[in-house]
């Protein structure tokens, strides 16, 4: 019985991964990464204040 549930679980997870993967597009992924990189650059250059860290 455990073996049957294990096989069924693997089959369901495998189908789930393929169904999610079909919706993603390479161009959408590249656009998202470019947007995140742009936001990161804006945050790193926008805040030019350096604060002393008092942690030991």
N, C-alpha and C. Protein backbone atom coordinates (compact mmCIF):
# COMPACT_ATOMS: atom_id res chain seq x y z
N UNK A 1 0.83 -1.19 0.00
CA UNK A 1 0.00 0.00 0.00
C UNK A 1 0.87 1.26 0.00
N UNK A 2 1.95 1.27 0.80
CA UNK A 2 2.84 2.43 0.84
C UNK A 2 3.48 2.65 -0.53
N UNK A 3 3.84 1.55 -1.16
CA UNK A 3 4.48 1.64 -2.48
C UNK A 3 3.52 2.26 -3.50
N UNK A 4 2.26 1.89 -3.43
CA UNK A 4 1.26 2.43 -4.36
C UNK A 4 1.09 3.93 -4.17
N UNK A 5 0.98 4.35 -2.91
CA UNK A 5 0.85 5.78 -2.62
C UNK A 5 2.10 6.54 -3.03
N UNK A 6 3.26 5.94 -2.84
CA UNK A 6 4.51 6.58 -3.24
C UNK A 6 4.58 6.79 -4.74
N UNK A 7 4.21 5.78 -5.48
CA UNK A 7 4.21 5.89 -6.95
C UNK A 7 3.19 6.92 -7.40
N UNK A 8 2.01 6.90 -6.79
CA UNK A 8 0.97 7.87 -7.14
C UNK A 8 1.43 9.30 -6.83
N UNK A 9 2.08 9.48 -5.69
CA UNK A 9 2.57 10.82 -5.32
C UNK A 9 3.61 11.32 -6.31
N UNK A 10 4.52 10.46 -6.71
CA UNK A 10 5.54 10.86 -7.69
C UNK A 10 4.89 11.22 -9.02
N UNK A 11 3.90 10.44 -9.43
CA UNK A 11 3.20 10.71 -10.69
C UNK A 11 2.48 12.06 -10.63
N UNK A 12 1.81 12.35 -9.53
CA UNK A 12 1.08 13.61 -9.40
C UNK A 12 2.04 14.79 -9.39
N UNK A 13 3.15 14.68 -8.66
CA UNK A 13 4.13 15.76 -8.61
C UNK A 13 4.76 15.99 -9.98
N UNK A 14 5.04 14.91 -10.70
CA UNK A 14 5.62 15.04 -12.03
C UNK A 14 4.66 15.75 -12.98
N UNK A 15 3.39 15.36 -12.95
CA UNK A 15 2.40 16.03 -13.79
C UNK A 15 2.24 17.50 -13.39
N UNK A 16 2.31 17.78 -12.12
CA UNK A 16 2.21 19.15 -11.65
C UNK A 16 3.35 20.01 -12.14
N UNK A 17 4.55 19.46 -12.15
CA UNK A 17 5.70 20.22 -12.63
C UNK A 17 5.56 20.52 -14.12
N UNK A 18 5.11 19.57 -14.90
CA UNK A 18 4.95 19.80 -16.33
C UNK A 18 3.85 20.79 -16.62
N UNK A 19 2.77 20.76 -15.87
CA UNK A 19 1.67 21.70 -16.12
C UNK A 19 2.09 23.12 -15.77
N UNK A 20 2.88 23.30 -14.74
CA UNK A 20 3.35 24.64 -14.39
C UNK A 20 4.39 25.13 -15.38
N UNK A 21 5.22 24.25 -15.86
CA UNK A 21 6.29 24.63 -16.78
C UNK A 21 5.73 25.07 -18.13
N UNK A 22 4.63 24.52 -18.56
CA UNK A 22 4.06 24.86 -19.87
C UNK A 22 3.56 26.29 -19.91
N UNK A 23 3.20 26.86 -18.77
CA UNK A 23 2.67 28.22 -18.74
C UNK A 23 3.76 29.27 -18.81
N UNK A 24 4.97 28.92 -18.41
CA UNK A 24 6.04 29.91 -18.39
C UNK A 24 6.64 30.07 -19.78
N UNK A 25 7.08 31.27 -20.06
CA UNK A 25 7.65 31.60 -21.35
C UNK A 25 9.05 32.16 -21.11
N UNK A 26 9.97 31.85 -21.98
CA UNK A 26 11.35 32.31 -21.82
C UNK A 26 11.41 33.83 -21.85
N UNK A 27 10.64 34.44 -22.73
CA UNK A 27 10.65 35.90 -22.83
C UNK A 27 10.10 36.54 -21.55
N UNK A 28 9.07 35.95 -20.98
CA UNK A 28 8.51 36.47 -19.73
C UNK A 28 9.53 36.36 -18.61
N UNK A 29 10.24 35.24 -18.56
CA UNK A 29 11.25 35.03 -17.52
C UNK A 29 12.38 36.03 -17.67
N UNK A 30 12.85 36.25 -18.89
CA UNK A 30 13.93 37.21 -19.13
C UNK A 30 13.49 38.62 -18.76
N UNK A 31 12.24 38.99 -19.08
CA UNK A 31 11.73 40.31 -18.74
C UNK A 31 11.65 40.48 -17.23
N UNK A 32 11.22 39.44 -16.53
CA UNK A 32 11.14 39.50 -15.07
C UNK A 32 12.52 39.67 -14.46
N UNK A 33 13.50 38.92 -14.94
CA UNK A 33 14.86 39.04 -14.42
C UNK A 33 15.44 40.42 -14.70
N UNK A 34 15.17 40.97 -15.87
CA UNK A 34 15.66 42.31 -16.19
C UNK A 34 15.02 43.35 -15.27
N UNK A 35 13.72 43.19 -15.01
CA UNK A 35 13.03 44.12 -14.12
C UNK A 35 13.57 44.04 -12.70
N UNK A 36 13.81 42.83 -12.23
CA UNK A 36 14.36 42.66 -10.89
C UNK A 36 15.77 43.25 -10.79
N UNK A 37 16.58 43.05 -11.81
CA UNK A 37 17.93 43.61 -11.81
C UNK A 37 17.88 45.13 -11.82
N UNK A 38 16.94 45.69 -12.57
CA UNK A 38 16.79 47.15 -12.61
C UNK A 38 16.36 47.69 -11.25
N UNK A 39 15.42 47.03 -10.60
CA UNK A 39 14.99 47.46 -9.27
C UNK A 39 16.13 47.37 -8.26
N UNK A 40 16.92 46.32 -8.38
CA UNK A 40 18.05 46.15 -7.46
C UNK A 40 19.07 47.26 -7.67
N UNK A 41 19.33 47.62 -8.92
CA UNK A 41 20.27 48.70 -9.21
C UNK A 41 19.75 50.02 -8.67
N UNK A 42 18.46 50.27 -8.81
CA UNK A 42 17.87 51.51 -8.31
C UNK A 42 17.98 51.59 -6.80
N UNK A 43 17.75 50.47 -6.13
CA UNK A 43 17.82 50.47 -4.67
C UNK A 43 19.25 50.64 -4.19
N UNK A 44 20.20 50.03 -4.88
CA UNK A 44 21.59 50.12 -4.42
C UNK A 44 22.17 51.49 -4.70
N UNK A 45 21.79 52.14 -5.78
CA UNK A 45 22.31 53.47 -6.09
C UNK A 45 21.48 54.57 -5.46
N UNK A 46 20.23 54.31 -5.17
CA UNK A 46 19.33 55.32 -4.62
C UNK A 46 19.63 55.64 -3.17
N UNK A 47 20.04 54.67 -2.40
CA UNK A 47 20.32 54.91 -0.99
C UNK A 47 21.83 54.97 -0.80
N UNK A 48 22.36 56.19 -0.73
CA UNK A 48 23.80 56.35 -0.62
C UNK A 48 24.23 56.62 0.81
N UNK A 49 23.34 56.45 1.78
CA UNK A 49 23.72 56.69 3.16
C UNK A 49 24.36 55.44 3.73
N UNK A 50 25.49 55.63 4.37
CA UNK A 50 26.16 54.50 5.01
C UNK A 50 25.97 54.61 6.51
N UNK A 51 25.44 53.56 7.08
CA UNK A 51 25.18 53.56 8.50
C UNK A 51 26.16 52.61 9.18
N UNK A 52 26.62 53.03 10.35
CA UNK A 52 27.53 52.18 11.12
C UNK A 52 26.74 51.05 11.75
N UNK A 53 27.29 49.88 11.70
CA UNK A 53 26.63 48.71 12.27
C UNK A 53 27.25 48.45 13.64
N UNK A 54 26.45 48.48 14.68
CA UNK A 54 26.95 48.32 16.04
C UNK A 54 26.82 46.89 16.55
N UNK A 55 26.72 45.93 15.66
CA UNK A 55 26.62 44.54 16.11
C UNK A 55 27.98 44.03 16.53
N UNK A 56 27.97 43.12 17.50
CA UNK A 56 29.22 42.53 17.96
C UNK A 56 29.50 41.25 17.26
